[in-house]
Protein backbone atom coordinates (compact mmCIF):
# COMPACT_ATOMS: atom_id res chain seq x y z
CA MET A 1 -10.56 18.26 -2.31
CA THR A 2 -9.69 19.55 1.13
CA ILE A 3 -6.63 18.52 3.08
CA ALA A 4 -8.83 16.42 5.39
CA GLU A 5 -10.34 14.56 2.42
CA ILE A 6 -6.93 13.92 0.87
CA ALA A 7 -5.55 12.78 4.21
CA GLU A 8 -8.38 10.29 4.60
CA LYS A 9 -8.16 9.07 1.01
CA TYR A 10 -4.43 8.34 1.23
CA GLY A 11 -4.20 7.36 4.89
CA LEU A 12 -1.86 10.23 5.72
CA SER A 13 -2.16 12.83 8.43
CA THR A 14 -2.80 16.44 7.55
CA ASP A 15 0.51 17.24 9.26
CA THR A 16 2.31 14.83 6.92
CA LEU A 17 0.72 16.46 3.88
CA ARG A 18 1.73 19.92 5.08
CA TYR A 19 5.25 18.63 5.81
CA TYR A 20 5.57 17.09 2.33
CA GLU A 21 4.53 20.42 0.81
CA ARG A 22 6.89 22.42 3.06
CA ILE A 23 9.94 20.32 2.15
CA GLY A 24 9.13 20.33 -1.56
CA LEU A 25 8.15 16.68 -1.84
CA ILE A 26 4.83 17.75 -3.30
CA PRO A 27 4.44 21.03 -5.15
CA PRO A 28 2.65 23.94 -3.48
CA VAL A 29 -1.07 23.22 -3.41
CA ARG A 30 -3.49 25.71 -4.90
CA ARG A 31 -5.55 27.64 -2.35
CA ASN A 32 -9.23 28.50 -2.57
CA LYS A 33 -10.68 31.96 -1.88
CA ALA A 34 -10.73 31.23 1.86
CA GLY A 35 -7.01 30.37 1.75
CA ASN A 36 -7.51 26.64 2.31
CA ARG A 37 -5.65 24.04 0.29
CA ASP A 38 -7.63 22.77 -2.69
CA TYR A 39 -6.08 19.56 -4.04
CA GLY A 40 -6.51 18.93 -7.75
CA GLU A 41 -5.97 15.90 -9.99
CA MET A 42 -2.21 16.44 -10.37
CA ASP A 43 -1.87 16.72 -6.59
CA HIS A 44 -3.64 13.35 -6.28
CA ARG A 45 -1.18 11.74 -8.66
CA VAL A 46 1.85 13.17 -6.89
CA ILE A 47 0.59 12.20 -3.43
CA GLY A 48 -0.28 8.69 -4.66
CA PHE A 49 3.21 8.31 -6.13
CA VAL A 50 4.88 9.59 -2.96
CA LYS A 51 2.79 7.29 -0.77
CA ARG A 52 3.63 4.22 -2.88
CA MET A 53 7.32 5.06 -2.88
CA ARG A 54 7.36 5.65 0.88
CA GLN A 55 5.58 2.32 1.40
CA ALA A 56 8.35 0.72 -0.66
CA GLY A 57 10.91 2.25 1.69
CA VAL A 58 12.17 5.02 -0.57
CA SER A 59 13.69 7.75 1.58
CA VAL A 60 12.22 11.22 1.73
CA GLU A 61 15.58 12.56 0.58
CA SER A 62 15.56 10.39 -2.56
CA LEU A 63 12.01 11.43 -3.33
CA ILE A 64 12.83 15.11 -2.89
CA GLU A 65 15.74 14.69 -5.30
CA TYR A 66 13.52 12.85 -7.78
CA THR A 67 10.72 15.42 -7.68
CA LYS A 68 13.22 18.29 -7.90
CA LEU A 69 14.67 16.73 -11.05
CA LEU A 70 11.19 16.07 -12.41
CA ARG A 71 10.37 19.77 -12.19
CA GLN A 72 13.53 20.57 -14.18
CA GLY A 73 12.13 18.83 -17.24
CA THR A 74 13.09 16.19 -19.76
CA GLN A 75 16.84 16.85 -19.57
CA THR A 76 16.87 15.06 -16.18
CA ARG A 77 15.09 11.94 -17.45
CA GLU A 78 18.13 9.64 -17.26
CA THR A 79 19.05 10.82 -13.76
CA ARG A 80 15.48 10.21 -12.57
CA LYS A 81 15.53 6.77 -14.15
CA ALA A 82 18.81 6.02 -12.36
CA ILE A 83 17.24 7.01 -9.03
CA LEU A 84 14.33 4.64 -9.69
CA ARG A 85 16.72 1.82 -10.63
CA GLU A 86 18.74 2.36 -7.45
CA GLN A 87 15.60 2.32 -5.34
CA LYS A 88 14.43 -0.84 -7.09
CA GLU A 89 17.72 -2.57 -6.23
CA LEU A 90 17.46 -1.51 -2.60
CA LEU A 91 13.87 -2.75 -2.44
CA ALA A 92 14.81 -6.07 -4.06
CA ALA A 93 17.53 -6.56 -1.45
CA ARG A 94 15.06 -5.85 1.37
CA ILE A 95 12.54 -8.26 -0.16
CA ALA A 96 15.23 -10.96 -0.30
CA GLU A 97 16.03 -10.38 3.38
CA MET A 98 12.36 -10.53 4.26
CA GLN A 99 11.95 -13.72 2.22
CA GLN A 100 14.78 -15.31 4.19
CA THR A 101 13.14 -14.24 7.44
CA LEU A 102 9.82 -15.68 6.25
CA GLU A 103 11.51 -18.99 5.43
CA ASN A 104 13.13 -19.05 8.88
CA LEU A 105 9.75 -18.46 10.51
CA ASP A 106 8.15 -21.17 8.40
CA TYR A 107 10.88 -23.59 9.52
CA LYS A 108 10.37 -22.69 13.18
CA ILE A 109 6.59 -23.06 12.93
CA THR A 110 6.79 -26.38 11.08
CA ASN A 111 9.34 -27.79 13.50
CA TYR A 112 8.24 -26.03 16.66
CA ASP A 113 6.99 -29.05 18.61
CA THR A 114 10.08 -31.09 17.90
CA VAL A 115 13.32 -29.30 17.14
CA ILE A 116 12.58 -25.78 18.39
CA VAL A 117 11.08 -26.64 21.78
CA GLU A 118 14.01 -28.97 22.47
CA ALA A 119 16.53 -26.28 21.53
CA GLU A 120 14.70 -23.68 23.65
CA ASN A 121 14.67 -26.07 26.62
CA LYS A 122 18.41 -26.62 26.32
CA LEU A 123 18.97 -22.86 26.16
CA SER A 124 16.91 -22.19 29.28
CA GLN A 125 18.74 -24.98 31.16
CA GLU A 126 22.12 -23.50 30.22
CA GLU A 127 21.05 -20.09 31.50
CA SER A 128 19.99 -21.50 34.87
């Protein structure tokens, strides 16, 4: 597949794909006879993994470290697993924060016409 096709498939810009390759987040992509990138099945898997991890909030730096270790082979398995565990804990903490925010919004929506409007009116009167 071409870079444009991959970009469309994964919802990434071609610049992002080139950047990921340049910084080592994805391995160098094979080129066709014309010198254009020709993404294969393994490239699809790596890009899909990177996209999912970025959507989960995993930093580019952590992903670079992970993929660097992955290329070093099985002797880095435990270190890679530790990176994934750490990222899982960070994501779980963010989910908990978001859940609390969702509950706060639910409360405000449910009580908007009674408690919230009254509190907002008092606030605006105090500011005047």
